[in-house]
Amino acid sequence: MAVLGTLLGSLTTHFFQRRATRSEALRQERTTTYSAFAAAVEEYRRGQAERWYRLQEDPEGDAFLAARDEAHRLRTAARQALYRVKLLTDEPAVVAAAEHAYASTRDVSTAHDQDDRDARHADAGLAIEAFVARAARLLR
């Protein structure tokens, strides 16, 4: 009977350790993914602002074309990071916050004037912060 108890205890311990290890691995993967998304969308925000400024200077100029191409590259990186967030998250509010951060950032380059650009840029920054705050709840 003692052997059976020991065996049962060992199996129970193994089960809980394995579950804790998986849980920690998921938390680490989410931490990496969420921080990578925030960094990618922040870089995209910077690129969108640069694109807007270069468009104001000269819509046909090489500087605008280079900024536009860079913004497209950054958009692709941010979109890929958004997909990773969606794959690792089953919390709808976190996914919605990530999508809002991405969309707000996308809209920076379509501002009508400096005040509109400043407002959109600030809104995108707030949306990124809101995503980080929402995602952080899943990591604690």
C-alpha atoms as a PDB file:
ATOM      1  CA  MET A   1       0.000   0.000   0.000  1.00  0.00           C
ATOM      2  CA  ALA A   2       2.886   2.380   0.785  1.00  0.00           C
ATOM      3  CA  VAL A   3       4.359   1.764  -2.674  1.00  0.00           C
ATOM      4  CA  LEU A   4       1.031   2.626  -4.285  1.00  0.00           C
ATOM      5  CA  GLY A   5       0.822   5.827  -2.230  1.00  0.00           C
ATOM      6  CA  THR A   6       4.350   6.785  -3.218  1.00  0.00           C
ATOM      7  CA  LEU A   7       3.632   6.084  -6.862  1.00  0.00           C
ATOM      8  CA  LEU A   8       0.415   8.105  -6.756  1.00  0.00           C
ATOM      9  CA  GLY A   9       2.252  10.962  -5.056  1.00  0.00           C
ATOM     10  CA  SER A  10       4.977  10.906  -7.693  1.00  0.00           C
ATOM     11  CA  LEU A  11       2.470  10.931 -10.526  1.00  0.00           C
ATOM     12  CA  THR A  12       0.540  13.799  -8.976  1.00  0.00           C
ATOM     13  CA  THR A  13       3.723  15.811  -8.469  1.00  0.00           C
ATOM     14  CA  HIS A  14       4.803  15.127 -12.055  1.00  0.00           C
ATOM     15  CA  PHE A  15       1.403  16.209 -13.379  1.00  0.00           C
ATOM     16  CA  PHE A  16       1.430  19.522 -11.504  1.00  0.00           C
ATOM     17  CA  GLN A  17       5.066  20.265 -12.333  1.00  0.00           C
ATOM     18  CA  ARG A  18       4.406  19.614 -16.009  1.00  0.00           C
ATOM     19  CA  ARG A  19       1.342  21.841 -15.926  1.00  0.00           C
ATOM     20  CA  ALA A  20       3.282  24.621 -14.178  1.00  0.00           C
ATOM     21  CA  THR A  21       6.098  24.321 -16.720  1.00  0.00           C
ATOM     22  CA  ARG A  22       3.670  24.639 -19.627  1.00  0.00           C
ATOM     23  CA  SER A  23       1.966  27.586 -17.973  1.00  0.00           C
ATOM     24  CA  GLU A  24       5.305  29.343 -17.463  1.00  0.00           C
ATOM     25  CA  ALA A  25       6.350  28.623 -21.039  1.00  0.00           C
ATOM     26  CA  LEU A  26       3.111  30.153 -22.339  1.00  0.00           C
ATOM     27  CA  ARG A  27       3.576  33.191 -20.101  1.00  0.00           C
ATOM     28  CA  GLN A  28       7.112  33.667 -21.424  1.00  0.00           C
ATOM     29  CA  GLU A  29       5.972  33.291 -25.025  1.00  0.00           C
ATOM     30  CA  ARG A  30       3.178  35.796 -24.477  1.00  0.00           C
ATOM     31  CA  THR A  31       5.592  38.226 -22.835  1.00  0.00           C
ATOM     32  CA  THR A  32       7.904  38.015 -25.833  1.00  0.00           C
ATOM     33  CA  THR A  33       5.060  38.280 -28.343  1.00  0.00           C
ATOM     34  CA  TYR A  34       3.276  41.174 -26.650  1.00  0.00           C
ATOM     35  CA  SER A  35       6.446  43.205 -26.216  1.00  0.00           C
ATOM     36  CA  ALA A  36       7.474  42.503 -29.829  1.00  0.00           C
ATOM     37  CA  PHE A  37       4.067  43.688 -31.036  1.00  0.00           C
ATOM     38  CA  ALA A  38       4.289  46.886 -28.981  1.00  0.00           C
ATOM     39  CA  ALA A  39       7.785  47.560 -30.352  1.00  0.00           C
ATOM     40  CA  ALA A  40       6.739  46.824 -33.946  1.00  0.00           C
ATOM     41  CA  VAL A  41       3.657  49.025 -33.820  1.00  0.00           C
ATOM     42  CA  GLU A  42       5.665  51.816 -32.148  1.00  0.00           C
ATOM     43  CA  GLU A  43       8.211  51.632 -34.988  1.00  0.00           C
ATOM     44  CA  TYR A  44       5.336  51.647 -37.491  1.00  0.00           C
ATOM     45  CA  ARG A  45       3.960  54.772 -35.778  1.00  0.00           C
ATOM     46  CA  ARG A  46       7.315  56.493 -36.197  1.00  0.00           C
ATOM     47  CA  GLY A  47       7.424  55.423 -39.836  1.00  0.00           C
ATOM     48  CA  GLN A  48       3.918  56.711 -40.476  1.00  0.00           C
ATOM     49  CA  ALA A  49       4.853  60.097 -39.019  1.00  0.00           C
ATOM     50  CA  GLU A  50       7.972  60.225 -41.179  1.00  0.00           C
ATOM     51  CA  ARG A  51       5.896  59.318 -44.226  1.00  0.00           C
ATOM     52  CA  TRP A  52       3.441  62.129 -43.468  1.00  0.00           C
ATOM     53  CA  TYR A  53       6.212  64.723 -43.037  1.00  0.00           C
ATOM     54  CA  ARG A  54       7.992  63.708 -46.241  1.00  0.00           C
ATOM     55  CA  LEU A  55       4.667  63.865 -48.132  1.00  0.00           C
ATOM     56  CA  GLN A  56       4.176  67.447 -46.964  1.00  0.00           C
ATOM     57  CA  GLU A  57       7.653  68.392 -48.172  1.00  0.00           C
ATOM     58  CA  ASP A  58       7.444  66.881 -51.652  1.00  0.00           C
ATOM     59  CA  PRO A  59       4.891  64.227 -52.667  1.00  0.00           C
ATOM     60  CA  GLU A  60       7.014  63.256 -55.685  1.00  0.00           C
ATOM     61  CA  GLY A  61      10.388  63.428 -53.970  1.00  0.00           C
ATOM     62  CA  ASP A  62      12.780  60.610 -53.280  1.00  0.00           C
ATOM     63  CA  ALA A  63      12.548  61.227 -49.526  1.00  0.00           C
ATOM     64  CA  PHE A  64       8.792  60.663 -49.601  1.00  0.00           C
ATOM     65  CA  LEU A  65       9.113  57.538 -51.742  1.00  0.00           C
ATOM     66  CA  ALA A  66      11.735  56.118 -49.375  1.00  0.00           C
ATOM     67  CA  ALA A  67       9.604  56.975 -46.323  1.00  0.00           C
ATOM     68  CA  ARG A  68       6.543  55.407 -47.959  1.00  0.00           C
ATOM     69  CA  ASP A  69       8.438  52.226 -48.723  1.00  0.00           C
ATOM     70  CA  GLU A  70       9.817  52.085 -45.176  1.00  0.00           C
ATOM     71  CA  ALA A  71       6.319  52.629 -43.749  1.00  0.00           C
ATOM     72  CA  HIS A  72       5.062  49.710 -45.864  1.00  0.00           C
ATOM     73  CA  ARG A  73       7.867  47.512 -44.530  1.00  0.00           C
ATOM     74  CA  LEU A  74       7.081  48.534 -40.958  1.00  0.00           C
ATOM     75  CA  ARG A  75       3.369  47.922 -41.551  1.00  0.00           C
ATOM     76  CA  THR A  76       4.143  44.373 -42.658  1.00  0.00           C
ATOM     77  CA  ALA A  77       6.260  43.780 -39.542  1.00  0.00           C
ATOM     78  CA  ALA A  78       3.524  45.186 -37.296  1.00  0.00           C
ATOM     79  CA  ARG A  79       0.879  43.082 -39.030  1.00  0.00           C
ATOM     80  CA  GLN A  80       2.968  39.927 -38.575  1.00  0.00           C
ATOM     81  CA  ALA A  81       3.374  40.741 -34.889  1.00  0.00           C
ATOM     82  CA  LEU A  82      -0.392  41.288 -34.654  1.00  0.00           C
ATOM     83  CA  TYR A  83      -0.969  37.804 -36.070  1.00  0.00           C
ATOM     84  CA  ARG A  84       1.291  36.336 -33.384  1.00  0.00           C
ATOM     85  CA  VAL A  85      -0.714  38.169 -30.703  1.00  0.00           C
ATOM     86  CA  LYS A  86      -3.915  36.707 -32.128  1.00  0.00           C
ATOM     87  CA  LEU A  87      -2.464  33.198 -32.189  1.00  0.00           C
ATOM     88  CA  LEU A  88      -1.402  33.308 -28.535  1.00  0.00           C
ATOM     89  CA  THR A  89      -4.348  35.147 -27.027  1.00  0.00           C
ATOM     90  CA  ASP A  90      -7.777  33.853 -26.228  1.00  0.00           C
ATOM     91  CA  GLU A  91      -8.764  37.056 -24.437  1.00  0.00           C
ATOM     92  CA  PRO A  92     -10.927  39.136 -26.835  1.00  0.00           C
ATOM     93  CA  ALA A  93     -10.141  42.430 -25.084  1.00  0.00           C
ATOM     94  CA  VAL A  94      -6.392  41.981 -25.657  1.00  0.00           C
ATOM     95  CA  VAL A  95      -6.908  41.167 -29.334  1.00  0.00           C
ATOM     96  CA  ALA A  96      -9.237  44.173 -29.712  1.00  0.00           C
ATOM     97  CA  ALA A  97      -6.657  46.434 -28.049  1.00  0.00           C
ATOM     98  CA  ALA A  98      -3.952  45.150 -30.409  1.00  0.00           C
ATOM     99  CA  GLU A  99      -6.157  45.682 -33.454  1.00  0.00           C
ATOM    100  CA  HIS A 100      -7.015  49.209 -32.256  1.00  0.00           C
ATOM    101  CA  ALA A 101      -3.331  50.038 -31.760  1.00  0.00           C
ATOM    102  CA  TYR A 102      -2.545  48.798 -35.263  1.00  0.00           C
ATOM    103  CA  ALA A 103      -5.459  50.682 -36.881  1.00  0.00           C
ATOM    104  CA  SER A 104      -4.725  53.902 -34.997  1.00  0.00           C
ATOM    105  CA  THR A 105      -1.123  53.746 -36.123  1.00  0.00           C
ATOM    106  CA  ARG A 106      -2.130  53.062 -39.728  1.00  0.00           C
ATOM    107  CA  ASP A 107      -4.229  56.234 -39.737  1.00  0.00           C
ATOM    108  CA  VAL A 108      -1.367  58.577 -38.817  1.00  0.00           C
ATOM    109  CA  SER A 109      -0.193  58.977 -42.421  1.00  0.00           C
ATOM    110  CA  THR A 110      -3.623  60.041 -43.699  1.00  0.00           C
ATOM    111  CA  ALA A 111      -3.870  63.168 -41.516  1.00  0.00           C
ATOM    112  CA  HIS A 112      -5.143  66.321 -43.220  1.00  0.00           C
ATOM    113  CA  ASP A 113      -2.899  68.839 -41.477  1.00  0.00           C
ATOM    114  CA  GLN A 114      -0.348  69.187 -38.676  1.00  0.00           C
ATOM    115  CA  ASP A 115      -2.941  69.350 -35.897  1.00  0.00           C
ATOM    116  CA  ASP A 116      -4.692  66.257 -37.242  1.00  0.00           C
ATOM    117  CA  ARG A 117      -1.346  64.455 -37.555  1.00  0.00           C
ATOM    118  CA  ASP A 118      -0.413  65.379 -33.998  1.00  0.00           C
ATOM    119  CA  ALA A 119      -3.781  64.145 -32.694  1.00  0.00           C
ATOM    120  CA  ARG A 120      -3.595  60.874 -34.634  1.00  0.00           C
ATOM    121  CA  HIS A 121      -0.014  60.299 -33.526  1.00  0.00           C
ATOM    122  CA  ALA A 122      -0.993  60.878 -29.901  1.00  0.00           C
ATOM    123  CA  ASP A 123      -4.053  58.624 -30.236  1.00  0.00           C
ATOM    124  CA  ALA A 124      -1.891  55.853 -31.669  1.00  0.00           C
ATOM    125  CA  GLY A 125       0.522  56.202 -28.759  1.00  0.00           C
ATOM    126  CA  LEU A 126      -2.345  55.951 -26.282  1.00  0.00           C
ATOM    127  CA  ALA A 127      -3.701  52.888 -28.101  1.00  0.00           C
ATOM    128  CA  ILE A 128      -0.298  51.196 -27.863  1.00  0.00           C
ATOM    129  CA  GLU A 129      -0.147  51.986 -24.132  1.00  0.00           C
ATOM    130  CA  ALA A 130      -3.684  50.616 -23.696  1.00  0.00           C
ATOM    131  CA  PHE A 131      -2.675  47.390 -25.418  1.00  0.00           C
ATOM    132  CA  VAL A 132       0.351  47.007 -23.143  1.00  0.00           C
ATOM    133  CA  ALA A 133      -1.771  47.622 -20.038  1.00  0.00           C
ATOM    134  CA  ARG A 134      -4.423  45.130 -21.163  1.00  0.00           C
ATOM    135  CA  ALA A 135      -1.909  42.461 -22.194  1.00  0.00           C
ATOM    136  CA  ALA A 136       0.081  42.841 -18.975  1.00  0.00           C
ATOM    137  CA  ARG A 137      -2.901  41.527 -17.018  1.00  0.00           C
ATOM    138  CA  LEU A 138      -2.474  38.151 -18.706  1.00  0.00           C
ATOM    139  CA  LEU A 139       1.170  37.958 -17.651  1.00  0.00           C
ATOM    140  CA  ARG A 140       0.730  38.356 -13.914  1.00  0.00           C
END
